[in-house]
């Protein structure tokens, strides 16, 4: 049995797999971030990170499993931008502000998701 895939097809597949893997890891981090980074009393941010993290994990798994979710690719960079900006956009009235680790974690995870999402969106399979 011979393979009909060309080096270009294998490269695109590898890029999409790497992008989906990065989104998956960032999503898992966001789900665990309230305990890892010590969000303190920033409950709204913790809830946002958990929900967005679960959505990113689901999208990454769906993207790795099937090509049918290709049209939803633009959602991932938007969610990444939200994650990066949410510590400053979400209200924290009456709550302890998020820790520096939480802020840095959100910005880094958001940037990773944006870059991986854009890379996956620009690649056609």
Protein backbone atom coordinates (compact mmCIF):
# COMPACT_ATOMS: atom_id res chain seq x y z
CA UNK A 1 0.00 0.00 0.00
CA UNK A 2 1.44 3.35 -0.99
CA UNK A 3 0.81 6.68 0.59
CA UNK A 4 -0.66 9.41 -1.56
CA UNK A 5 0.25 12.22 0.82
CA UNK A 6 2.82 14.70 -0.32
CA UNK A 7 5.31 16.47 1.93
CA UNK A 8 3.12 19.60 1.76
CA UNK A 9 0.07 17.67 2.97
CA UNK A 10 2.06 16.10 5.79
CA UNK A 11 3.38 19.56 6.78
CA UNK A 12 -0.14 21.03 6.87
CA UNK A 13 -1.33 18.10 8.96
CA UNK A 14 1.59 18.54 11.37
CA UNK A 15 0.89 22.28 11.74
CA UNK A 16 -2.80 21.65 12.40
CA UNK A 17 -1.96 18.93 14.90
CA UNK A 18 0.53 21.17 16.70
CA UNK A 19 -1.94 24.06 16.76
CA UNK A 20 -4.71 21.84 18.12
CA UNK A 21 -2.28 20.48 20.71
CA UNK A 22 -1.32 23.97 21.88
CA UNK A 23 -4.97 24.99 22.13
CA UNK A 24 -5.69 21.81 24.09
CA UNK A 25 -2.84 22.47 26.54
CA UNK A 26 -3.83 26.12 26.97
CA UNK A 27 -7.43 25.06 27.57
CA UNK A 28 -6.36 22.55 30.20
CA UNK A 29 -4.22 25.20 31.87
CA UNK A 30 -7.16 27.61 31.97
CA UNK A 31 -9.37 24.98 33.62
CA UNK A 32 -6.70 24.42 36.28
CA UNK A 33 -5.44 28.02 36.49
CA UNK A 34 -7.54 29.10 39.48
CA UNK A 35 -5.71 26.50 41.58
CA UNK A 36 -2.30 26.77 39.89
CA UNK A 37 -1.98 30.55 39.79
CA UNK A 38 -3.88 31.36 42.97
CA UNK A 39 -6.71 33.57 41.79
CA UNK A 40 -7.65 34.42 45.36
CA UNK A 41 -11.04 36.08 45.43
CA UNK A 42 -11.25 36.70 41.68
CA UNK A 43 -14.20 34.36 41.26
CA UNK A 44 -15.56 35.89 38.06
CA UNK A 45 -12.18 35.50 36.35
CA UNK A 46 -11.84 31.94 37.64
CA UNK A 47 -15.29 31.06 36.27
CA UNK A 48 -14.50 32.69 32.92
CA UNK A 49 -11.20 30.81 32.62
CA UNK A 50 -12.83 27.50 33.49
CA UNK A 51 -15.65 27.88 30.96
CA UNK A 52 -13.38 29.17 28.18
CA UNK A 53 -10.85 26.44 28.96
CA UNK A 54 -13.49 23.73 28.62
CA UNK A 55 -14.67 25.21 25.31
CA UNK A 56 -11.09 25.34 24.01
CA UNK A 57 -10.46 21.73 25.02
CA UNK A 58 -13.65 20.65 23.22
CA UNK A 59 -12.76 22.63 20.08
CA UNK A 60 -9.20 21.28 20.03
CA UNK A 61 -10.40 17.69 20.35
CA UNK A 62 -13.07 18.24 17.70
CA UNK A 63 -10.55 19.89 15.36
CA UNK A 64 -8.08 17.04 15.79
CA UNK A 65 -10.79 14.43 15.25
CA UNK A 66 -12.58 15.86 12.21
CA UNK A 67 -12.28 18.50 9.52
CA UNK A 68 -15.93 19.49 9.87
CA UNK A 69 -15.24 22.14 12.48
CA UNK A 70 -12.91 24.06 10.17
CA UNK A 71 -15.48 26.85 9.83
CA UNK A 72 -15.38 27.38 13.60
CA UNK A 73 -11.65 28.08 13.42
CA UNK A 74 -12.14 31.82 13.80
CA UNK A 75 -13.68 31.24 17.25
CA UNK A 76 -10.40 30.05 18.78
CA UNK A 77 -8.41 33.29 18.24
CA UNK A 78 -11.36 35.34 19.53
CA UNK A 79 -11.50 33.21 22.69
CA UNK A 80 -7.73 33.62 23.08
CA UNK A 81 -8.05 37.39 22.87
CA UNK A 82 -10.81 37.28 25.50
CA UNK A 83 -8.61 35.20 27.82
CA UNK A 84 -5.72 37.65 27.47
CA UNK A 85 -7.89 40.72 28.12
CA UNK A 86 -10.43 39.34 30.58
CA UNK A 87 -8.48 40.15 33.78
CA UNK A 88 -8.94 43.83 32.96
CA UNK A 89 -12.41 43.61 31.38
CA UNK A 90 -14.24 41.52 33.97
CA UNK A 91 -15.69 43.30 36.98
CA UNK A 92 -14.06 42.57 40.30
CA UNK A 93 -16.27 44.69 42.53
CA UNK A 94 -15.94 43.52 46.10
CA UNK A 95 -13.47 40.79 45.16
CA UNK A 96 -9.76 40.50 45.70
CA UNK A 97 -7.98 41.44 42.49
CA UNK A 98 -6.32 38.56 40.61
CA UNK A 99 -2.73 37.78 41.51
CA UNK A 100 0.18 38.69 39.26
CA UNK A 101 0.55 34.99 38.40
CA UNK A 102 -3.09 34.90 37.30
CA UNK A 103 -2.62 37.97 35.10
CA UNK A 104 0.55 36.62 33.49
CA UNK A 105 -0.99 33.17 33.05
CA UNK A 106 -4.04 34.62 31.31
CA UNK A 107 -1.97 36.80 28.98
CA UNK A 108 0.40 33.96 28.04
CA UNK A 109 -2.38 31.39 27.58
CA UNK A 110 -4.42 33.89 25.57
CA UNK A 111 -1.47 34.71 23.31
CA UNK A 112 -0.75 31.01 22.71
CA UNK A 113 -4.39 30.39 21.80
CA UNK A 114 -4.50 33.39 19.46
CA UNK A 115 -1.31 32.38 17.62
CA UNK A 116 -2.27 28.70 17.40
CA UNK A 117 -5.80 29.57 16.34
CA UNK A 118 -4.63 31.93 13.61
CA UNK A 119 -2.09 29.36 12.39
CA UNK A 120 -4.77 26.67 12.21
CA UNK A 121 -7.24 29.01 10.54
CA UNK A 122 -4.78 30.12 7.85
CA UNK A 123 -3.84 26.53 6.99
CA UNK A 124 -6.18 24.87 4.54
CA UNK A 125 -6.59 21.14 4.70
